Amino acid sequence: MLLDQLEKHYVNITCVQEMRWIGLGTIEKKDWIIFYSCDKKDHKLGTGFVIHKKVKHLITIFQSKFFQMCWLRIRGKILNYSIINSHAQTENKSDIETDAFHDGLRNLYDACLKYDVKLIIGDLNAQIGKEAIYYPTIGKEAFHQESN
């Protein structure tokens, strides 16, 4: 279904979170290539990219940091693009796990080439709370009590 919708709307590159597959790899389906990075044992989290084959020649790097993030480098006309796709854990994780995620994200960002346009995309599990500062944007009916 996803591939059909991407085709219908002329989308060539898509970032996906919570793939919940096993391991690291590449799959070719129809006119698409799926690069993914997921947990080695469990069907949890996972990130990836869905790329149309007509732009495959522009992909120069796909690299997985660990199952919560991966990097795709795309050759552009003037500048190249580094897209980091990440999926942060929720706040109920330990400080050690949270720090490891942030350190991994920083290391992957630093690994991107200096003159690339860098994009960090993903499910960062941000929560907007009921603090008064957010009333003009979301009103008083936020789901969470506090922002993270």
N, C-alpha and C. Protein backbone atom coordinates (compact mmCIF):
# COMPACT_ATOMS: atom_id res chain seq x y z
N MET A 1 0.81 -1.19 0.00
CA MET A 1 0.00 0.00 0.00
C MET A 1 0.86 1.26 0.00
N LEU A 2 1.93 1.24 0.82
CA LEU A 2 2.79 2.41 0.88
C LEU A 2 3.40 2.71 -0.48
N LEU A 3 3.92 1.69 -1.14
CA LEU A 3 4.55 1.91 -2.44
C LEU A 3 3.55 2.45 -3.46
N ASP A 4 2.32 1.97 -3.43
CA ASP A 4 1.29 2.46 -4.33
C ASP A 4 1.00 3.94 -4.08
N GLN A 5 0.95 4.34 -2.82
CA GLN A 5 0.68 5.74 -2.49
C GLN A 5 1.86 6.64 -2.88
N LEU A 6 3.07 6.17 -2.66
CA LEU A 6 4.25 6.95 -3.06
C LEU A 6 4.26 7.15 -4.57
N GLU A 7 3.93 6.10 -5.31
CA GLU A 7 3.86 6.17 -6.77
C GLU A 7 2.78 7.15 -7.21
N LYS A 8 1.65 7.07 -6.59
CA LYS A 8 0.51 7.92 -6.93
C LYS A 8 0.82 9.40 -6.74
N HIS A 9 1.59 9.71 -5.70
CA HIS A 9 1.88 11.11 -5.38
C HIS A 9 3.28 11.55 -5.83
N TYR A 10 3.94 10.76 -6.66
CA TYR A 10 5.24 11.09 -7.25
C TYR A 10 6.31 11.38 -6.19
N VAL A 11 6.34 10.59 -5.14
CA VAL A 11 7.34 10.73 -4.09
C VAL A 11 8.50 9.79 -4.41
N ASN A 12 9.71 10.34 -4.44
CA ASN A 12 10.88 9.52 -4.80
C ASN A 12 11.68 9.04 -3.60
N ILE A 13 11.66 9.80 -2.50
CA ILE A 13 12.43 9.44 -1.32
C ILE A 13 11.55 9.64 -0.09
N THR A 14 11.46 8.61 0.73
CA THR A 14 10.63 8.66 1.93
C THR A 14 11.40 8.08 3.11
N CYS A 15 11.29 8.73 4.26
CA CYS A 15 11.86 8.22 5.50
C CYS A 15 10.74 7.51 6.26
N VAL A 16 11.08 6.36 6.84
CA VAL A 16 10.10 5.57 7.58
C VAL A 16 10.68 5.25 8.96
N GLN A 17 9.84 5.39 9.99
CA GLN A 17 10.22 4.99 11.34
C GLN A 17 9.29 3.86 11.78
N GLU A 18 9.72 3.16 12.83
CA GLU A 18 8.98 2.02 13.38
C GLU A 18 8.72 0.95 12.32
N MET A 19 9.76 0.61 11.59
CA MET A 19 9.63 -0.42 10.56
C MET A 19 9.40 -1.79 11.20
N ARG A 20 10.01 -2.03 12.35
CA ARG A 20 9.82 -3.26 13.13
C ARG A 20 10.22 -4.53 12.38
N TRP A 21 11.20 -4.40 11.49
CA TRP A 21 11.74 -5.57 10.83
C TRP A 21 12.92 -6.07 11.66
N ILE A 22 13.59 -7.08 11.17
CA ILE A 22 14.74 -7.64 11.88
C ILE A 22 16.01 -7.34 11.08
N GLY A 23 17.01 -6.78 11.75
CA GLY A 23 18.33 -6.61 11.16
C GLY A 23 18.50 -5.41 10.26
N LEU A 24 19.50 -5.50 9.42
CA LEU A 24 19.92 -4.42 8.52
C LEU A 24 19.90 -4.98 7.10
N GLY A 25 19.42 -4.19 6.15
CA GLY A 25 19.44 -4.72 4.80
C GLY A 25 18.82 -3.82 3.75
N THR A 26 18.68 -4.40 2.58
CA THR A 26 18.10 -3.74 1.42
C THR A 26 17.14 -4.71 0.76
N ILE A 27 15.99 -4.20 0.39
CA ILE A 27 14.98 -5.01 -0.30
C ILE A 27 14.57 -4.26 -1.56
N GLU A 28 14.45 -4.99 -2.67
CA GLU A 28 13.94 -4.39 -3.90
C GLU A 28 12.55 -4.93 -4.17
N LYS A 29 11.58 -4.03 -4.37
CA LYS A 29 10.20 -4.39 -4.66
C LYS A 29 9.69 -3.47 -5.74
N LYS A 30 9.11 -4.06 -6.77
CA LYS A 30 8.59 -3.28 -7.90
C LYS A 30 9.68 -2.33 -8.37
N ASP A 31 9.35 -1.02 -8.38
CA ASP A 31 10.31 -0.01 -8.81
C ASP A 31 10.96 0.69 -7.63
N TRP A 32 11.05 0.02 -6.49
CA TRP A 32 11.49 0.65 -5.26
C TRP A 32 12.62 -0.13 -4.60
N ILE A 33 13.44 0.60 -3.85
CA ILE A 33 14.49 0.00 -3.03
C ILE A 33 14.23 0.47 -1.60
N ILE A 34 14.24 -0.46 -0.68
CA ILE A 34 14.02 -0.13 0.73
C ILE A 34 15.31 -0.43 1.48
N PHE A 35 15.90 0.60 2.06
CA PHE A 35 17.06 0.46 2.93
C PHE A 35 16.54 0.50 4.35
N TYR A 36 16.93 -0.45 5.19
CA TYR A 36 16.41 -0.44 6.55
C TYR A 36 17.45 -0.83 7.58
N SER A 37 17.22 -0.36 8.79
CA SER A 37 18.08 -0.63 9.93
C SER A 37 17.17 -0.84 11.13
N CYS A 38 17.08 -2.07 11.60
CA CYS A 38 16.18 -2.42 12.70
C CYS A 38 16.92 -3.25 13.75
N ASP A 39 16.25 -3.51 14.84
CA ASP A 39 16.82 -4.32 15.92
C ASP A 39 17.23 -5.70 15.38
N LYS A 40 18.28 -6.26 15.94
CA LYS A 40 18.79 -7.55 15.45
C LYS A 40 17.91 -8.73 15.85
N LYS A 41 17.16 -8.60 16.96
CA LYS A 41 16.39 -9.73 17.47
C LYS A 41 14.90 -9.47 17.58
N ASP A 42 14.52 -8.26 17.95
CA ASP A 42 13.12 -7.96 18.24
C ASP A 42 12.49 -7.08 17.17
N HIS A 43 11.21 -7.24 17.00
CA HIS A 43 10.44 -6.40 16.08
C HIS A 43 10.07 -5.11 16.79
N LYS A 44 11.04 -4.19 16.92
CA LYS A 44 10.78 -2.92 17.58
C LYS A 44 11.58 -1.82 16.91
N LEU A 45 11.05 -0.62 17.03
CA LEU A 45 11.67 0.59 16.47
C LEU A 45 12.07 0.36 15.01
N GLY A 46 13.25 0.79 14.63
CA GLY A 46 13.72 0.62 13.25
C GLY A 46 13.45 1.84 12.40
N THR A 47 14.40 2.13 11.52
CA THR A 47 14.29 3.26 10.59
C THR A 47 14.68 2.78 9.20
N GLY A 48 14.30 3.56 8.21
CA GLY A 48 14.67 3.20 6.85
C GLY A 48 14.28 4.27 5.84
N PHE A 49 14.66 4.00 4.61
CA PHE A 49 14.35 4.87 3.49
C PHE A 49 13.72 4.05 2.37
N VAL A 50 12.72 4.61 1.74
CA VAL A 50 12.11 3.99 0.56
C VAL A 50 12.47 4.89 -0.61
N ILE A 51 13.18 4.32 -1.58
CA ILE A 51 13.75 5.09 -2.69
C ILE A 51 13.22 4.55 -4.01
N HIS A 52 12.74 5.44 -4.89
CA HIS A 52 12.32 5.01 -6.22
C HIS A 52 13.57 4.70 -7.04
N LYS A 53 13.52 3.66 -7.84
CA LYS A 53 14.70 3.24 -8.61
C LYS A 53 15.19 4.30 -9.60
N LYS A 54 14.30 5.21 -9.99
CA LYS A 54 14.74 6.24 -10.94
C LYS A 54 15.72 7.24 -10.31
N VAL A 55 15.81 7.28 -8.97
CA VAL A 55 16.78 8.16 -8.31
C VAL A 55 17.88 7.36 -7.61
N LYS A 56 17.90 6.05 -7.82
CA LYS A 56 18.89 5.19 -7.18
C LYS A 56 20.32 5.64 -7.49
N HIS A 57 20.55 6.11 -8.69
CA HIS A 57 21.89 6.52 -9.09
C HIS A 57 22.40 7.74 -8.30
N LEU A 58 21.50 8.44 -7.61
CA LEU A 58 21.89 9.61 -6.81
C LEU A 58 22.32 9.24 -5.39
N ILE A 59 22.05 8.00 -4.97
CA ILE A 59 22.39 7.56 -3.62
C ILE A 59 23.87 7.21 -3.59
N THR A 60 24.61 7.87 -2.71
CA THR A 60 26.04 7.58 -2.60
C THR A 60 26.38 6.81 -1.33
N ILE A 61 25.58 6.97 -0.27
CA ILE A 61 25.86 6.28 0.99
C ILE A 61 24.55 5.91 1.67
N PHE A 62 24.47 4.67 2.16
CA PHE A 62 23.48 4.31 3.17
C PHE A 62 24.26 3.67 4.29
N GLN A 63 24.06 4.21 5.50
CA GLN A 63 24.82 3.69 6.63
C GLN A 63 23.90 3.64 7.85
N SER A 64 24.04 2.59 8.63
CA SER A 64 23.27 2.45 9.85
C SER A 64 24.18 2.71 11.04
N LYS A 65 23.74 3.57 11.94
CA LYS A 65 24.49 3.78 13.17
C LYS A 65 24.14 2.67 14.15
N PHE A 66 22.89 2.53 14.43
CA PHE A 66 22.31 1.39 15.11
C PHE A 66 20.83 1.43 14.80
N PHE A 67 20.07 0.50 15.31
CA PHE A 67 18.70 0.32 14.81
C PHE A 67 17.79 1.52 14.97
N GLN A 68 18.22 2.54 15.71
CA GLN A 68 17.39 3.72 15.89
C GLN A 68 17.69 4.84 14.92
N MET A 69 18.69 4.68 14.09
CA MET A 69 19.00 5.76 13.14
C MET A 69 19.84 5.24 11.98
N CYS A 70 19.64 5.89 10.85
CA CYS A 70 20.44 5.58 9.66
C CYS A 70 20.64 6.85 8.86
N TRP A 71 21.58 6.78 7.91
CA TRP A 71 22.00 7.96 7.16
C TRP A 71 21.97 7.62 5.68
N LEU A 72 21.41 8.54 4.90
CA LEU A 72 21.38 8.41 3.45
C LEU A 72 22.02 9.66 2.86
N ARG A 73 22.97 9.48 1.96
CA ARG A 73 23.60 10.62 1.29
C ARG A 73 23.17 10.61 -0.17
N ILE A 74 22.72 11.77 -0.62
CA ILE A 74 22.17 11.91 -1.97
C ILE A 74 22.96 12.97 -2.72
N ARG A 75 23.36 12.65 -3.94
CA ARG A 75 24.07 13.60 -4.79
C ARG A 75 23.06 14.59 -5.37
N GLY A 76 23.32 15.88 -5.19
CA GLY A 76 22.46 16.92 -5.72
C GLY A 76 23.11 17.64 -6.90
N LYS A 77 22.40 18.57 -7.51
CA LYS A 77 22.95 19.32 -8.65
C LYS A 77 24.06 20.26 -8.21
N ILE A 78 23.85 20.95 -7.09
CA ILE A 78 24.84 21.90 -6.60
C ILE A 78 25.50 21.38 -5.32
N LEU A 79 24.68 20.98 -4.37
CA LEU A 79 25.17 20.44 -3.10
C LEU A 79 24.64 19.03 -2.91
N ASN A 80 25.31 18.28 -2.08
CA ASN A 80 24.82 16.95 -1.71
C ASN A 80 24.02 17.05 -0.42
N TYR A 81 23.18 16.05 -0.18
CA TYR A 81 22.30 16.05 0.97
C TYR A 81 22.59 14.84 1.84
N SER A 82 22.68 15.06 3.13
CA SER A 82 22.78 13.98 4.09
C SER A 82 21.50 14.00 4.91
N ILE A 83 20.75 12.90 4.85
CA ILE A 83 19.50 12.80 5.59
C ILE A 83 19.70 11.75 6.68
N ILE A 84 19.51 12.18 7.91
CA ILE A 84 19.58 11.27 9.05
C ILE A 84 18.14 10.97 9.48
N ASN A 85 17.79 9.71 9.45
CA ASN A 85 16.46 9.27 9.85
C ASN A 85 16.60 8.63 11.22
N SER A 86 15.88 9.15 12.21
CA SER A 86 16.05 8.65 13.57
C SER A 86 14.72 8.38 14.25
N HIS A 87 14.76 7.52 15.22
CA HIS A 87 13.59 7.20 16.03
C HIS A 87 14.02 7.15 17.48
N ALA A 88 13.67 8.20 18.22
CA ALA A 88 14.06 8.30 19.62
C ALA A 88 13.15 7.44 20.49
N GLN A 89 13.72 6.95 21.57
CA GLN A 89 12.91 6.22 22.53
C GLN A 89 12.06 7.22 23.32
N THR A 90 11.08 6.72 24.00
CA THR A 90 10.23 7.59 24.81
C THR A 90 10.95 7.94 26.11
N GLU A 91 10.38 8.86 26.86
CA GLU A 91 11.02 9.34 28.08
C GLU A 91 11.15 8.30 29.17
N ASN A 92 10.46 7.20 29.08
CA ASN A 92 10.53 6.21 30.16
C ASN A 92 11.81 5.38 30.11
N LYS A 93 12.71 5.67 29.20
CA LYS A 93 14.00 4.97 29.13
C LYS A 93 14.99 5.60 30.11
N SER A 94 16.01 4.85 30.43
CA SER A 94 17.02 5.33 31.38
C SER A 94 17.83 6.47 30.77
N ASP A 95 18.48 7.23 31.64
CA ASP A 95 19.34 8.32 31.17
C ASP A 95 20.48 7.77 30.32
N ILE A 96 20.95 6.57 30.64
CA ILE A 96 22.04 5.97 29.87
C ILE A 96 21.59 5.72 28.43
N GLU A 97 20.39 5.16 28.24
CA GLU A 97 19.87 4.90 26.89
C GLU A 97 19.61 6.20 26.14
N THR A 98 19.07 7.19 26.84
CA THR A 98 18.79 8.48 26.22
C THR A 98 20.09 9.16 25.79
N ASP A 99 21.09 9.15 26.68
CA ASP A 99 22.39 9.74 26.34
C ASP A 99 23.04 9.01 25.18
N ALA A 100 22.91 7.68 25.16
CA ALA A 100 23.49 6.90 24.05
C ALA A 100 22.83 7.28 22.73
N PHE A 101 21.51 7.48 22.75
CA PHE A 101 20.82 7.90 21.52
C PHE A 101 21.33 9.26 21.06
N HIS A 102 21.41 10.24 21.97
CA HIS A 102 21.87 11.58 21.60
C HIS A 102 23.32 11.57 21.14
N ASP A 103 24.16 10.78 21.80
CA ASP A 103 25.56 10.67 21.37
C ASP A 103 25.65 10.05 19.97
N GLY A 104 24.85 9.01 19.73
CA GLY A 104 24.83 8.38 18.41
C GLY A 104 24.37 9.34 17.33
N LEU A 105 23.35 10.14 17.63
CA LEU A 105 22.85 11.12 16.67
C LEU A 105 23.91 12.18 16.37
N ARG A 106 24.58 12.65 17.41
CA ARG A 106 25.65 13.64 17.21
C ARG A 106 26.79 13.05 16.39
N ASN A 107 27.19 11.81 16.69
CA ASN A 107 28.28 11.17 15.95
C ASN A 107 27.91 10.97 14.49
N LEU A 108 26.67 10.57 14.23
CA LEU A 108 26.25 10.38 12.85
C LEU A 108 26.19 11.72 12.12
N TYR A 109 25.71 12.75 12.79
CA TYR A 109 25.69 14.10 12.20
C TYR A 109 27.11 14.55 11.88
N ASP A 110 28.03 14.33 12.80
CA ASP A 110 29.43 14.71 12.59
C ASP A 110 30.08 13.91 11.48
N ALA A 111 29.59 12.70 11.22
CA ALA A 111 30.14 11.86 10.14
C ALA A 111 29.73 12.37 8.76
N CYS A 112 28.65 13.14 8.70
CA CYS A 112 28.21 13.71 7.41
C CYS A 112 29.29 14.65 6.90
N LEU A 113 29.44 14.69 5.61
CA LEU A 113 30.48 15.54 5.03
C LEU A 113 30.19 17.02 5.27
N LYS A 114 31.22 17.78 5.45
CA LYS A 114 31.15 19.16 5.92
C LYS A 114 30.22 20.05 5.09
N TYR A 115 30.26 19.95 3.78
CA TYR A 115 29.50 20.88 2.94
C TYR A 115 28.14 20.34 2.50
N ASP A 116 27.74 19.19 3.02
CA ASP A 116 26.42 18.66 2.70
C ASP A 116 25.33 19.49 3.38
N VAL A 117 24.17 19.53 2.76
CA VAL A 117 22.98 20.02 3.44
C VAL A 117 22.54 18.87 4.34
N LYS A 118 22.43 19.13 5.64
CA LYS A 118 22.13 18.06 6.60
C LYS A 118 20.71 18.20 7.10
N LEU A 119 19.96 17.10 7.06
CA LEU A 119 18.59 17.06 7.54
C LEU A 119 18.46 15.95 8.57
N ILE A 120 17.88 16.27 9.71
CA ILE A 120 17.56 15.25 10.70
C ILE A 120 16.04 15.10 10.67
N ILE A 121 15.60 13.91 10.34
CA ILE A 121 14.18 13.63 10.19
C ILE A 121 13.86 12.43 11.06
N GLY A 122 12.65 12.38 11.59
CA GLY A 122 12.29 11.18 12.32
C GLY A 122 11.21 11.39 13.35
N ASP A 123 11.02 10.35 14.10
CA ASP A 123 10.08 10.35 15.21
C ASP A 123 10.91 10.58 16.46
N LEU A 124 10.94 11.83 16.93
CA LEU A 124 11.77 12.18 18.07
C LEU A 124 10.99 12.14 19.38
N ASN A 125 9.75 11.66 19.32
CA ASN A 125 8.90 11.49 20.50
C ASN A 125 8.82 12.75 21.36
N ALA A 126 8.69 13.89 20.70
CA ALA A 126 8.49 15.14 21.42
C ALA A 126 7.07 15.19 21.96
N GLN A 127 6.94 15.77 23.14
CA GLN A 127 5.63 15.93 23.75
C GLN A 127 5.42 17.40 24.12
N ILE A 128 4.30 17.94 23.71
CA ILE A 128 3.94 19.31 24.05
C ILE A 128 2.94 19.24 25.20
N GLY A 129 3.26 19.93 26.28
CA GLY A 129 2.42 19.89 27.46
C GLY A 129 1.46 21.07 27.55
N LYS A 130 0.89 21.23 28.72
CA LYS A 130 -0.14 22.25 28.95
C LYS A 130 0.45 23.54 29.52
N GLU A 131 1.74 23.77 29.35
CA GLU A 131 2.35 25.00 29.83
C GLU A 131 1.74 26.21 29.11
N ALA A 132 1.60 27.31 29.84
CA ALA A 132 0.93 28.51 29.31
C ALA A 132 1.61 29.05 28.05
N ILE A 133 2.89 28.85 27.93
CA ILE A 133 3.62 29.39 26.77
C ILE A 133 3.09 28.82 25.44
N TYR A 134 2.50 27.61 25.48
CA TYR A 134 2.03 26.96 24.26
C TYR A 134 0.56 27.24 23.95
N TYR A 135 -0.17 27.96 24.82
CA TYR A 135 -1.59 28.23 24.59
C TYR A 135 -1.87 28.87 23.22
N PRO A 136 -1.08 29.86 22.79
CA PRO A 136 -1.40 30.48 21.49
C PRO A 136 -1.31 29.50 20.31
N THR A 137 -0.51 28.45 20.46
CA THR A 137 -0.31 27.51 19.38
C THR A 137 -1.26 26.32 19.46
N ILE A 138 -1.38 25.71 20.63
CA ILE A 138 -2.16 24.48 20.75
C ILE A 138 -3.37 24.60 21.65
N GLY A 139 -3.53 25.72 22.33
CA GLY A 139 -4.65 25.87 23.24
C GLY A 139 -4.38 25.17 24.55
N LYS A 140 -5.43 24.99 25.35
CA LYS A 140 -5.29 24.41 26.69
C LYS A 140 -5.58 22.91 26.72
N GLU A 141 -5.77 22.30 25.57
CA GLU A 141 -6.21 20.90 25.52
C GLU A 141 -5.11 19.93 25.12
N ALA A 142 -3.87 20.21 25.47
CA ALA A 142 -2.77 19.29 25.16
C ALA A 142 -2.97 17.96 25.87
N PHE A 143 -2.48 16.91 25.29
CA PHE A 143 -2.60 15.56 25.86
C PHE A 143 -1.70 15.38 27.07
N HIS A 144 -0.47 15.93 26.99
CA HIS A 144 0.53 15.74 28.04
C HIS A 144 0.50 16.90 29.02
N GLN A 145 0.88 16.63 30.25
CA GLN A 145 0.94 17.68 31.27
C GLN A 145 2.16 18.59 31.07
N GLU A 146 3.30 17.98 30.73
CA GLU A 146 4.54 18.73 30.59
C GLU A 146 5.23 18.41 29.27
N SER A 147 5.93 19.39 28.75
CA SER A 147 6.71 19.18 27.52
C SER A 147 8.01 18.48 27.87
N ASN A 148 8.56 17.76 26.89
CA ASN A 148 9.85 17.14 27.15
C ASN A 148 10.93 17.77 26.31
